[in-house]
Amino acid sequence: MFKKLFHSAVFNSWFSGIVSLISSLIALPIVITKLSVEEINVWLLFSSIVVLSQGVQFGFNSTFSRFIVYVYNGVRIDEFKNLRFKSEMKTKSCFDENEFLRVFNLMRFIYLFVTILYFVLLCLVGITILSKPLNSLVNPIDGWIAGSIIAISTTLNLYFSYHQNFMLGINKVALLQRITGVINFFGIGIILLVFYFNPTLISLVFIYQVITLIVLFSIIYYSKKEFSNICFKDPYFKFDKELFHIVWHYAWKSGITILVSNLIRHMSVLIVSQFFSPAISASFLFTRKVFNIIENFTMITFQARLPVIAKYRGIADFDKLIPFLKQTQYITYGVFLLGYIILITGGEYILSFLNSNVRLGSHALIILFSFSTFMTRWGGMTLAISNQSNNVVEHINAVVVITVYSLIVFLGFVSLGVEVFPFALTLSMFAVAPFIIKYTYKYLFTTFWTYEKNVCIPYFASLTLINIIYLYYLKHTDSFTFF
C-alpha cells in the first residue's frame, strides 16, 4: 500500500497541497505582527507580483501540457484540429520523436518570448508602482533588494515552467508533486528558524524565494533525466509557424477563461471591502477563503489525473476513459462533500477553540457558497474534460458566466447583501449549463443524463440533502432566517 501511495498522483498532490497551505499560513501571523504597516503593504504587493507571474502564461501551460500528452502517446500533430471527432482507437499508436520535438521546441521558444515580455513589463511598470511604497520604508534599500529577488525568482520560474509542462505531459504528476511537497516540507523548518531569529521583510522574501528556486531546479534536474530517456536528439530553439497557429487557437481561449475567473474572484473582494463594515467584510472574506481551500483540494484531485484523461482521449480509448473519468469524479466530489461536512459540523467549534477574532459568515452564506462551489467545479471539470478532446469552448462559457454574474450582482446587491455573490455565481452556472451540456458531452459520445445520472446528479442530491439537514438542525438550535 505504501508503494501504491508513493506513486499515486492524487496522494502526492494532496500531500503537496497541504504542505503549501501550511507554509503560506505560517507567514501570515509573522507578517501582521512583526512587520510595520509599510512593510506589510510591500509584502502584499510582492505577493501580487508572484501571482501575476503565474498568470501571464495566458493558457500556454495547459495547452502545451495537453499537446505533449498527445504526441507522447502517438497522436500526430495533423490530428489535433479534428481530435474531438476521433471516436475509435487505432490498433497501434507509435511515439514519433520528431513530432514530439516540434511541440517541445516551440514550447521553449514561446516561454522565452513570454518571459522576456514579462521581465520588460515588470521593470517598466513594477518600478513605477513600487517606487512610492518602497521609498516609504525605513530602509528603502532592503525593499529594493527584496524586489530584485522577487523579479529574478519569478522570471526564472516563468521561463523554466516549461519543464513542469513537460513532466505533466509525460504523466510524471506523482514525481512532480512529491518533489514540490518534500522540499516545501523541509522548507517549513527553515522558514520557522528565519522567522524566529530574523523576521524582516528581506529575510522573509529571501527564504521563500530560495525554497521556490530549489523546487524549480529540482524539477529541471528530473525533467532533463526524463527527457534524455525518451529523446535522443537535443532540443533547439525554433519558431514553428504552422504549429504555433494550432497552439494559439486553443491557448488564447484558455487565457480568456483565466482572466474572467480572476475577475469574478476579485470583484466580490473589491465590492465587499468598499461597501460593507470591516466585521462583515472580514467574515465574508474568511468564509470565501475556507471554501477556496476546499475547492483547491477538489481541483488538486482532478488535475492530478488530467494527463491520463488526455492520453485516453487522445488515442480514443473510451473503454478506459469513461470508467477512469467516473472514478476520478467520484473521488473529487467525495473530497468536496467531506470538506463541506467538516466545515458545517466542526468549523465554529474550531474557531471558538482557537479564540479567533473572525467568524464564518451567515448560515445562508455558507449554504450558498456550497452550491456555487459545487456548480463551478462541475462546470470546470466538464470543460476541462472537453479540453482534452481539443474541444476548447470554455472562453464562451466564461463570457456568459461573467455577464449573468455581473447582472445579478447589480440587481441584487442592495437587497441580498454579501449573499448576492455566491447566489449570482450559482445562477450564472445554471444559466450556462445548457451550453456546457450541448457542446461537451457529445464529444465523449454520450449524453448528460447517461453520464451524470451516476456521477454528478447523486452528489448534487447529496449536497442538497446535507443542506436540508443542516437547515433543520439550525431551526431547532438557533434563530435562522435565510436572507
Protein backbone atom coordinates (compact mmCIF):
# COMPACT_ATOMS: atom_id res chain seq x y z
CA MET A 1 0.00 0.00 0.00
CA PHE A 2 2.89 2.37 0.79
CA LYS A 3 4.33 1.78 -2.69
CA LYS A 4 0.94 2.48 -4.24
CA LEU A 5 0.55 5.72 -2.29
CA PHE A 6 4.15 6.70 -3.08
CA HIS A 7 3.39 6.56 -6.80
CA SER A 8 -0.16 7.91 -6.55
CA ALA A 9 -0.67 11.23 -8.36
CA VAL A 10 -3.68 12.08 -6.18
CA PHE A 11 -1.99 11.26 -2.86
CA ASN A 12 1.18 13.19 -3.73
CA SER A 13 -0.93 16.14 -4.90
CA TRP A 14 -2.81 16.15 -1.57
CA PHE A 15 0.49 15.99 0.32
CA SER A 16 1.97 18.86 -1.70
CA GLY A 17 -1.20 20.94 -1.36
CA ILE A 18 -1.34 20.52 2.43
CA VAL A 19 2.34 21.41 2.83
CA SER A 20 1.97 24.50 0.60
CA LEU A 21 -1.07 25.61 2.58
CA ILE A 22 0.77 25.22 5.91
CA SER A 23 3.81 27.05 4.53
CA SER A 24 1.72 30.01 3.36
CA LEU A 25 -0.26 30.15 6.63
CA ILE A 26 2.93 30.27 8.71
CA ALA A 27 3.88 33.63 7.19
CA LEU A 28 0.57 35.36 7.94
CA PRO A 29 0.83 35.85 11.75
CA ILE A 30 4.51 36.81 11.44
CA VAL A 31 3.84 39.36 8.72
CA ILE A 32 0.98 41.08 10.55
CA THR A 33 2.73 41.17 13.94
CA LYS A 34 6.44 41.65 13.18
CA LEU A 35 6.40 43.95 10.15
CA SER A 36 5.40 47.60 10.03
CA VAL A 37 2.33 48.79 8.11
CA GLU A 38 4.58 49.99 5.27
CA GLU A 39 6.35 46.60 5.13
CA ILE A 40 3.03 44.70 5.18
CA ASN A 41 1.88 46.81 2.23
CA VAL A 42 5.06 45.95 0.30
CA TRP A 43 4.73 42.24 1.22
CA LEU A 44 1.20 42.17 -0.21
CA LEU A 45 2.41 43.93 -3.37
CA PHE A 46 5.15 41.34 -3.77
CA SER A 47 2.56 38.58 -3.32
CA SER A 48 0.51 40.11 -6.15
CA ILE A 49 3.58 40.12 -8.41
CA VAL A 50 4.15 36.41 -7.72
CA VAL A 51 0.52 35.65 -8.63
CA LEU A 52 0.83 37.81 -11.76
CA SER A 53 3.93 35.92 -12.89
CA GLN A 54 1.96 32.67 -12.68
CA GLY A 55 -0.94 34.09 -14.70
CA VAL A 56 0.95 35.61 -17.63
CA GLN A 57 1.32 32.19 -19.27
CA PHE A 58 -2.12 33.01 -20.71
CA GLY A 59 -3.24 29.44 -21.32
CA PHE A 60 0.02 28.20 -22.88
CA ASN A 61 0.72 25.93 -19.89
CA SER A 62 -2.42 23.80 -20.17
CA THR A 63 -2.29 23.77 -23.98
CA PHE A 64 1.32 22.62 -24.21
CA SER A 65 0.88 20.03 -21.45
CA ARG A 66 -2.06 18.58 -23.36
CA PHE A 67 -0.20 18.59 -26.69
CA ILE A 68 2.77 16.81 -25.10
CA VAL A 69 0.40 14.14 -23.82
CA TYR A 70 -0.91 13.70 -27.37
CA VAL A 71 2.43 13.36 -29.17
CA TYR A 72 3.95 11.29 -26.35
CA ASN A 73 1.16 8.76 -26.84
CA GLY A 74 1.42 8.63 -30.63
CA VAL A 75 -1.14 11.24 -31.72
CA ARG A 76 0.13 13.15 -34.76
CA ILE A 77 0.06 16.95 -34.93
CA ASP A 78 -2.15 16.90 -38.04
CA GLU A 79 -4.81 15.11 -35.93
CA PHE A 80 -5.03 17.89 -33.31
CA LYS A 81 -7.60 20.08 -35.06
CA ASN A 82 -10.13 17.27 -35.54
CA LEU A 83 -9.33 15.26 -32.45
CA ARG A 84 -12.78 15.86 -30.93
CA PHE A 85 -14.32 13.75 -33.72
CA LYS A 86 -11.98 10.83 -33.06
CA SER A 87 -14.14 8.00 -31.73
CA GLU A 88 -12.15 4.85 -32.42
CA MET A 89 -8.73 3.84 -31.14
CA LYS A 90 -6.04 2.94 -33.64
CA THR A 91 -4.61 -0.54 -33.34
CA LYS A 92 -1.13 0.95 -32.96
CA SER A 93 0.00 4.42 -31.88
CA CYS A 94 3.75 4.98 -32.15
CA PHE A 95 5.78 7.69 -30.49
CA ASP A 96 7.30 9.98 -33.12
CA GLU A 97 10.42 11.76 -31.82
CA ASN A 98 10.27 14.48 -34.49
CA GLU A 99 6.64 15.28 -33.71
CA PHE A 100 7.46 15.41 -30.00
CA LEU A 101 10.42 17.75 -30.57
CA ARG A 102 8.29 20.10 -32.67
CA VAL A 103 5.97 20.65 -29.71
CA PHE A 104 8.78 20.76 -27.14
CA ASN A 105 10.93 23.21 -29.12
CA LEU A 106 8.04 25.58 -29.83
CA MET A 107 7.14 25.49 -26.13
CA ARG A 108 10.68 26.58 -25.18
CA PHE A 109 10.61 29.34 -27.79
CA ILE A 110 7.22 30.66 -26.62
CA TYR A 111 8.24 30.62 -22.96
CA LEU A 112 11.42 32.53 -23.78
CA PHE A 113 9.36 35.20 -25.56
CA VAL A 114 6.75 35.40 -22.77
CA THR A 115 9.48 35.62 -20.12
CA ILE A 116 11.30 38.47 -21.89
CA LEU A 117 7.99 40.33 -22.28
CA TYR A 118 7.17 39.76 -18.60
CA PHE A 119 10.58 40.96 -17.41
CA VAL A 120 10.44 44.13 -19.53
CA LEU A 121 6.93 44.96 -18.28
CA LEU A 122 7.95 44.17 -14.70
CA CYS A 123 10.87 46.57 -14.94
CA LEU A 124 8.81 49.35 -16.53
CA VAL A 125 5.51 49.02 -14.66
CA GLY A 126 6.86 47.39 -11.48
CA ILE A 127 9.35 50.14 -10.77
CA THR A 128 6.65 52.77 -11.25
CA ILE A 129 4.18 51.00 -8.94
CA LEU A 130 6.74 50.00 -6.30
CA SER A 131 8.70 53.26 -6.09
CA LYS A 132 6.39 55.01 -3.63
CA PRO A 133 5.77 52.08 -1.22
CA LEU A 134 9.43 51.00 -1.25
CA ASN A 135 10.71 54.52 -0.62
CA SER A 136 8.31 54.84 2.31
CA LEU A 137 10.16 52.06 4.17
CA VAL A 138 12.56 52.92 6.96
CA ASN A 139 15.29 51.24 4.90
CA PRO A 140 14.31 51.53 1.19
CA ILE A 141 17.45 49.66 0.09
CA ASP A 142 16.20 46.48 1.76
CA GLY A 143 12.91 46.90 -0.07
CA TRP A 144 14.61 47.27 -3.44
CA ILE A 145 16.82 44.25 -2.74
CA ALA A 146 13.73 42.21 -1.83
CA GLY A 147 12.02 43.44 -5.01
CA SER A 148 15.04 42.40 -7.09
CA ILE A 149 14.93 38.92 -5.52
CA ILE A 150 11.24 38.63 -6.45
CA ALA A 151 11.93 39.82 -10.00
CA ILE A 152 14.76 37.31 -10.56
CA SER A 153 12.89 34.41 -8.94
CA THR A 154 9.59 34.94 -10.77
CA THR A 155 11.37 35.42 -14.10
CA LEU A 156 13.30 32.16 -13.70
CA ASN A 157 10.16 30.34 -12.60
CA LEU A 158 8.20 31.64 -15.56
CA TYR A 159 10.75 30.62 -18.17
CA PHE A 160 11.65 27.20 -16.77
CA SER A 161 8.00 26.28 -16.11
CA TYR A 162 8.11 24.53 -19.50
CA HIS A 163 9.87 21.72 -17.61
CA GLN A 164 6.77 21.34 -15.44
CA ASN A 165 4.57 21.25 -18.56
CA PHE A 166 6.81 18.53 -19.96
CA MET A 167 6.63 16.45 -16.76
CA LEU A 168 2.85 16.76 -16.67
CA GLY A 169 2.65 15.80 -20.34
CA ILE A 170 4.51 12.53 -19.82
CA ASN A 171 2.36 11.81 -16.72
CA LYS A 172 5.01 12.33 -14.04
CA VAL A 173 2.46 14.07 -11.81
CA ALA A 174 3.30 11.98 -8.73
CA LEU A 175 7.03 12.70 -9.09
CA LEU A 176 6.42 16.40 -9.71
CA GLN A 177 4.15 16.80 -6.67
CA ARG A 178 6.42 14.68 -4.48
CA ILE A 179 9.42 16.90 -5.30
CA THR A 180 7.39 20.02 -4.52
CA GLY A 181 5.87 18.61 -1.34
CA VAL A 182 9.07 17.18 0.17
CA ILE A 183 11.17 20.30 -0.46
CA ASN A 184 8.44 22.60 0.89
CA PHE A 185 8.02 20.30 3.90
CA PHE A 186 11.68 20.63 4.90
CA GLY A 187 11.50 24.28 3.92
CA ILE A 188 8.93 24.87 6.67
CA GLY A 189 11.61 24.19 9.28
CA ILE A 190 13.98 26.69 7.67
CA ILE A 191 11.19 29.26 7.43
CA LEU A 192 10.43 28.88 11.15
CA LEU A 193 14.10 29.38 12.03
CA VAL A 194 14.29 32.55 9.94
CA PHE A 195 11.04 33.83 11.47
CA TYR A 196 12.35 33.17 14.98
CA PHE A 197 15.82 34.70 14.62
CA ASN A 198 15.43 37.40 11.96
CA PRO A 199 11.82 38.17 10.90
CA THR A 200 12.46 41.05 8.48
CA LEU A 201 10.93 41.82 5.11
CA ILE A 202 14.07 40.95 3.19
CA SER A 203 14.66 37.70 5.11
CA LEU A 204 11.05 36.56 4.56
CA VAL A 205 11.21 37.30 0.84
CA PHE A 206 14.64 35.70 0.53
CA ILE A 207 13.82 32.40 2.26
CA TYR A 208 10.52 31.86 0.43
CA GLN A 209 12.11 32.56 -2.96
CA VAL A 210 15.13 30.37 -2.22
CA ILE A 211 12.83 27.44 -1.43
CA THR A 212 10.85 28.18 -4.60
CA LEU A 213 14.05 28.11 -6.66
CA ILE A 214 15.21 24.85 -5.02
CA VAL A 215 11.90 23.31 -6.10
CA LEU A 216 12.38 24.73 -9.61
CA PHE A 217 15.94 23.44 -10.07
CA SER A 218 14.97 20.02 -8.69
CA ILE A 219 12.17 19.80 -11.27
CA ILE A 220 14.62 20.86 -14.01
CA TYR A 221 17.06 18.11 -12.93
CA TYR A 222 14.44 15.35 -13.09
CA SER A 223 12.90 16.80 -16.24
CA LYS A 224 16.23 16.60 -18.07
CA LYS A 225 16.64 12.99 -16.95
CA GLU A 226 13.18 12.09 -18.23
CA PHE A 227 13.79 13.93 -21.50
CA SER A 228 17.01 12.02 -22.16
CA ASN A 229 15.12 8.76 -21.59
CA ILE A 230 12.61 9.42 -24.36
CA CYS A 231 14.52 11.63 -26.85
CA PHE A 232 17.91 11.04 -28.44
CA LYS A 233 18.02 14.39 -30.22
CA ASP A 234 18.94 17.60 -28.45
CA PRO A 235 16.25 20.31 -28.17
CA TYR A 236 16.74 23.56 -30.03
CA PHE A 237 15.02 26.93 -30.33
CA LYS A 238 12.84 27.21 -33.39
CA PHE A 239 9.67 29.07 -34.21
CA ASP A 240 7.32 26.64 -35.91
CA LYS A 241 4.75 28.94 -37.50
CA GLU A 242 2.35 26.18 -38.54
CA LEU A 243 2.30 24.59 -35.09
CA PHE A 244 2.08 27.99 -33.39
CA HIS A 245 -1.20 28.73 -35.18
CA ILE A 246 -2.61 25.49 -33.79
CA VAL A 247 -1.33 26.23 -30.28
CA TRP A 248 -2.57 29.82 -30.28
CA HIS A 249 -6.03 28.73 -31.48
CA TYR A 250 -6.51 26.95 -28.14
CA ALA A 251 -4.22 28.91 -25.80
CA TRP A 252 -5.97 32.28 -26.12
CA LYS A 253 -9.31 30.69 -25.21
CA SER A 254 -7.85 29.25 -22.01
CA GLY A 255 -6.21 32.60 -21.33
CA ILE A 256 -9.53 34.45 -21.58
CA THR A 257 -11.03 31.95 -19.14
CA ILE A 258 -8.25 32.60 -16.62
CA LEU A 259 -8.76 36.37 -16.89
CA VAL A 260 -12.53 36.11 -16.38
CA SER A 261 -12.08 33.69 -13.48
CA ASN A 262 -9.73 36.11 -11.75
CA LEU A 263 -12.12 38.98 -12.43
CA ILE A 264 -15.00 37.15 -10.74
CA ARG A 265 -12.72 36.14 -7.88
CA HIS A 266 -11.57 39.69 -7.17
CA MET A 267 -14.80 41.55 -7.97
CA SER A 268 -16.51 40.38 -4.78
CA VAL A 269 -13.44 41.26 -2.69
CA LEU A 270 -13.28 44.83 -4.01
CA ILE A 271 -17.02 45.49 -3.64
CA VAL A 272 -17.37 43.98 -0.16
CA SER A 273 -14.29 45.77 1.17
CA GLN A 274 -15.61 49.11 -0.10
CA PHE A 275 -19.30 48.96 0.81
CA PHE A 276 -19.52 46.85 3.98
CA SER A 277 -18.23 47.22 7.52
CA PRO A 278 -14.86 45.64 8.40
CA ALA A 279 -16.62 42.97 10.51
CA ILE A 280 -18.92 41.86 7.67
CA SER A 281 -16.12 42.11 5.12
CA ALA A 282 -13.75 40.01 7.25
CA SER A 283 -16.43 37.38 7.85
CA PHE A 284 -17.28 37.17 4.13
CA LEU A 285 -13.64 37.00 3.03
CA PHE A 286 -12.85 34.39 5.67
CA THR A 287 -15.78 32.19 4.59
CA ARG A 288 -14.77 32.63 0.97
CA LYS A 289 -11.19 31.68 1.86
CA VAL A 290 -12.34 28.48 3.58
CA PHE A 291 -14.38 27.45 0.53
CA ASN A 292 -11.41 28.32 -1.70
CA ILE A 293 -9.32 25.87 0.32
CA ILE A 294 -11.97 23.14 -0.07
CA GLU A 295 -12.26 23.93 -3.78
CA ASN A 296 -8.48 23.83 -4.24
CA PHE A 297 -8.33 20.31 -2.87
CA THR A 298 -11.09 19.17 -5.21
CA MET A 299 -9.15 20.74 -8.10
CA ILE A 300 -5.91 19.09 -7.00
CA THR A 301 -7.63 15.71 -7.02
CA PHE A 302 -8.97 16.18 -10.54
CA GLN A 303 -5.92 17.87 -12.07
CA ALA A 304 -3.64 15.10 -10.82
CA ARG A 305 -5.36 12.78 -13.29
CA LEU A 306 -5.68 15.13 -16.27
CA PRO A 307 -2.62 13.73 -18.14
CA VAL A 308 -4.13 10.23 -18.10
CA ILE A 309 -7.51 11.63 -19.19
CA ALA A 310 -5.79 13.46 -22.07
CA LYS A 311 -3.94 10.26 -23.02
CA TYR A 312 -7.06 8.10 -23.20
CA ARG A 313 -8.99 10.80 -25.07
CA GLY A 314 -6.10 11.46 -27.47
CA ILE A 315 -5.91 7.83 -28.54
CA ALA A 316 -9.74 7.49 -28.29
CA ASP A 317 -9.62 4.60 -25.81
CA PHE A 318 -13.15 5.11 -24.49
CA ASP A 319 -13.25 1.70 -22.83
CA LYS A 320 -10.68 3.01 -20.34
CA LEU A 321 -11.56 6.70 -20.48
CA ILE A 322 -15.16 6.64 -19.27
CA PRO A 323 -14.60 4.40 -16.19
CA PHE A 324 -11.47 6.39 -15.33
CA LEU A 325 -13.36 9.69 -15.63
CA LYS A 326 -16.16 8.45 -13.41
CA GLN A 327 -13.75 7.13 -10.77
CA THR A 328 -11.87 10.46 -10.79
CA GLN A 329 -15.05 12.47 -10.34
CA TYR A 330 -16.34 10.16 -7.59
CA ILE A 331 -13.17 10.96 -5.62
CA THR A 332 -13.34 14.67 -6.48
CA TYR A 333 -16.97 15.16 -5.44
CA GLY A 334 -16.36 12.99 -2.39
CA VAL A 335 -13.48 15.24 -1.28
CA PHE A 336 -15.72 18.28 -1.66
CA LEU A 337 -18.61 16.80 0.35
CA LEU A 338 -16.27 15.59 3.09
CA GLY A 339 -14.68 19.03 3.37
CA TYR A 340 -18.08 20.69 3.50
CA ILE A 341 -19.40 18.34 6.19
CA ILE A 342 -16.30 19.03 8.32
CA LEU A 343 -16.88 22.77 7.86
CA ILE A 344 -20.54 22.84 8.93
CA THR A 345 -20.13 20.37 11.79
CA GLY A 346 -16.80 21.48 13.24
CA GLY A 347 -15.92 24.88 11.80
CA GLU A 348 -17.42 27.03 14.56
CA TYR A 349 -16.06 24.77 17.30
CA ILE A 350 -12.54 25.01 15.90
CA LEU A 351 -12.75 28.82 15.66
CA SER A 352 -14.06 29.05 19.23
CA PHE A 353 -11.27 26.78 20.45
CA LEU A 354 -8.68 28.99 18.74
CA ASN A 355 -10.37 32.10 20.16
CA SER A 356 -10.47 33.53 16.64
CA ASN A 357 -11.31 37.20 16.12
CA VAL A 358 -13.18 36.38 12.92
CA ARG A 359 -16.17 34.10 12.45
CA LEU A 360 -17.71 32.31 9.50
CA GLY A 361 -20.42 34.16 7.61
CA SER A 362 -24.16 33.64 7.97
CA HIS A 363 -25.65 30.20 7.53
CA ALA A 364 -27.24 31.41 4.30
CA LEU A 365 -23.84 32.49 3.01
CA ILE A 366 -22.32 29.09 3.85
CA ILE A 367 -25.13 27.19 2.09
CA LEU A 368 -24.98 29.43 -0.97
CA PHE A 369 -21.21 29.02 -1.16
CA SER A 370 -21.64 25.24 -1.03
CA PHE A 371 -23.88 25.30 -4.13
CA SER A 372 -21.80 27.86 -6.04
CA THR A 373 -18.59 25.91 -5.34
CA PHE A 374 -20.18 22.61 -6.40
CA MET A 375 -21.57 24.08 -9.62
CA THR A 376 -18.30 25.79 -10.60
CA ARG A 377 -16.44 22.53 -10.01
CA TRP A 378 -18.93 20.63 -12.17
CA GLY A 379 -18.57 23.21 -14.94
CA GLY A 380 -14.80 23.40 -14.55
CA MET A 381 -14.32 19.63 -14.69
CA THR A 382 -16.71 19.17 -17.62
CA LEU A 383 -14.98 21.89 -19.64
CA ALA A 384 -11.53 20.52 -18.70
CA ILE A 385 -12.59 17.08 -19.93
CA SER A 386 -13.82 18.73 -23.13
CA ASN A 387 -10.42 20.44 -23.48
CA GLN A 388 -8.75 17.03 -23.54
CA SER A 389 -10.72 16.42 -26.74
CA ASN A 390 -9.20 19.66 -28.07
CA ASN A 391 -12.74 21.00 -27.99
CA VAL A 392 -12.00 24.25 -26.14
CA VAL A 393 -15.22 26.21 -25.56
CA GLU A 394 -14.52 27.46 -22.04
CA HIS A 395 -13.99 31.03 -23.26
CA ILE A 396 -17.63 31.24 -24.38
CA ASN A 397 -18.71 29.79 -21.05
CA ALA A 398 -16.61 32.45 -19.28
CA VAL A 399 -18.26 35.31 -21.17
CA VAL A 400 -21.77 34.02 -20.37
CA VAL A 401 -20.92 33.50 -16.69
CA ILE A 402 -19.38 36.95 -16.16
CA THR A 403 -22.34 38.61 -17.94
CA VAL A 404 -25.03 36.84 -15.89
CA TYR A 405 -22.99 37.13 -12.69
CA SER A 406 -22.48 40.89 -13.06
CA LEU A 407 -26.16 41.47 -13.87
CA ILE A 408 -27.41 39.55 -10.82
CA VAL A 409 -24.87 41.25 -8.53
CA PHE A 410 -26.00 44.66 -9.83
CA LEU A 411 -29.72 43.88 -9.38
CA GLY A 412 -29.50 42.05 -6.05
CA PHE A 413 -26.64 43.81 -4.28
CA VAL A 414 -28.82 46.10 -2.13
CA SER A 415 -31.45 43.53 -1.13
CA LEU A 416 -29.25 40.45 -0.63
CA GLY A 417 -26.04 41.95 0.73
CA VAL A 418 -22.91 39.78 0.65
CA GLU A 419 -25.02 36.68 -0.04
CA VAL A 420 -25.56 38.00 -3.58
CA PHE A 421 -22.09 36.89 -4.72
CA PRO A 422 -22.38 33.08 -4.28
CA PHE A 423 -26.06 33.35 -5.25
CA ALA A 424 -25.12 35.12 -8.51
CA LEU A 425 -22.40 32.59 -9.26
CA THR A 426 -24.77 29.67 -8.72
CA LEU A 427 -27.43 31.15 -11.02
CA SER A 428 -24.84 32.03 -13.67
CA MET A 429 -23.65 28.40 -13.69
CA PHE A 430 -27.23 27.16 -14.07
CA ALA A 431 -27.69 29.67 -16.90
CA VAL A 432 -24.63 28.43 -18.78
CA ALA A 433 -25.29 24.73 -18.03
CA PRO A 434 -27.33 24.12 -21.25
CA PHE A 435 -24.39 25.43 -23.30
CA ILE A 436 -21.90 23.22 -21.46
CA ILE A 437 -24.16 20.20 -21.85
CA LYS A 438 -24.73 20.82 -25.57
CA TYR A 439 -21.10 21.30 -26.60
CA THR A 440 -19.15 18.93 -24.37
CA TYR A 441 -20.83 15.57 -23.77
CA LYS A 442 -21.31 14.82 -27.47
CA TYR A 443 -17.53 14.62 -27.92
CA LEU A 444 -17.45 11.94 -25.27
CA PHE A 445 -20.05 10.29 -27.46
CA THR A 446 -22.56 10.19 -24.63
CA THR A 447 -25.30 12.40 -23.17
CA PHE A 448 -25.58 14.41 -19.98
CA TRP A 449 -28.14 12.07 -18.45
CA THR A 450 -26.39 8.84 -19.47
CA TYR A 451 -23.10 10.01 -17.97
CA GLU A 452 -24.13 12.16 -14.99
CA LYS A 453 -27.03 10.08 -13.64
CA ASN A 454 -24.46 8.05 -11.69
CA VAL A 455 -21.88 10.82 -11.18
CA CYS A 456 -22.81 14.48 -10.67
CA ILE A 457 -26.54 14.14 -10.03
CA PRO A 458 -26.28 11.81 -6.98
CA TYR A 459 -23.62 14.05 -5.42
CA PHE A 460 -25.67 17.18 -6.06
CA ALA A 461 -28.67 15.45 -4.48
CA SER A 462 -26.46 14.51 -1.51
CA LEU A 463 -25.33 18.12 -1.13
CA THR A 464 -28.96 19.27 -1.20
CA LEU A 465 -29.91 16.69 1.44
CA ILE A 466 -26.96 17.71 3.63
CA ASN A 467 -28.09 21.35 3.47
CA ILE A 468 -31.71 20.40 4.28
CA ILE A 469 -30.49 18.51 7.36
CA TYR A 470 -28.25 21.47 8.22
CA LEU A 471 -31.22 23.87 7.98
CA TYR A 472 -33.40 21.56 10.06
CA TYR A 473 -30.70 21.41 12.75
CA LEU A 474 -30.28 25.20 12.75
CA LYS A 475 -34.01 25.84 13.12
CA HIS A 476 -34.08 23.69 16.22
CA THR A 477 -30.95 25.13 17.80
CA ASP A 478 -30.74 28.74 16.66
CA SER A 479 -32.83 31.53 15.15
CA PHE A 480 -32.33 31.33 11.41
CA THR A 481 -33.53 33.49 8.55
CA PHE A 482 -32.30 32.57 5.12
CA PHE A 483 -31.88 36.16 3.90
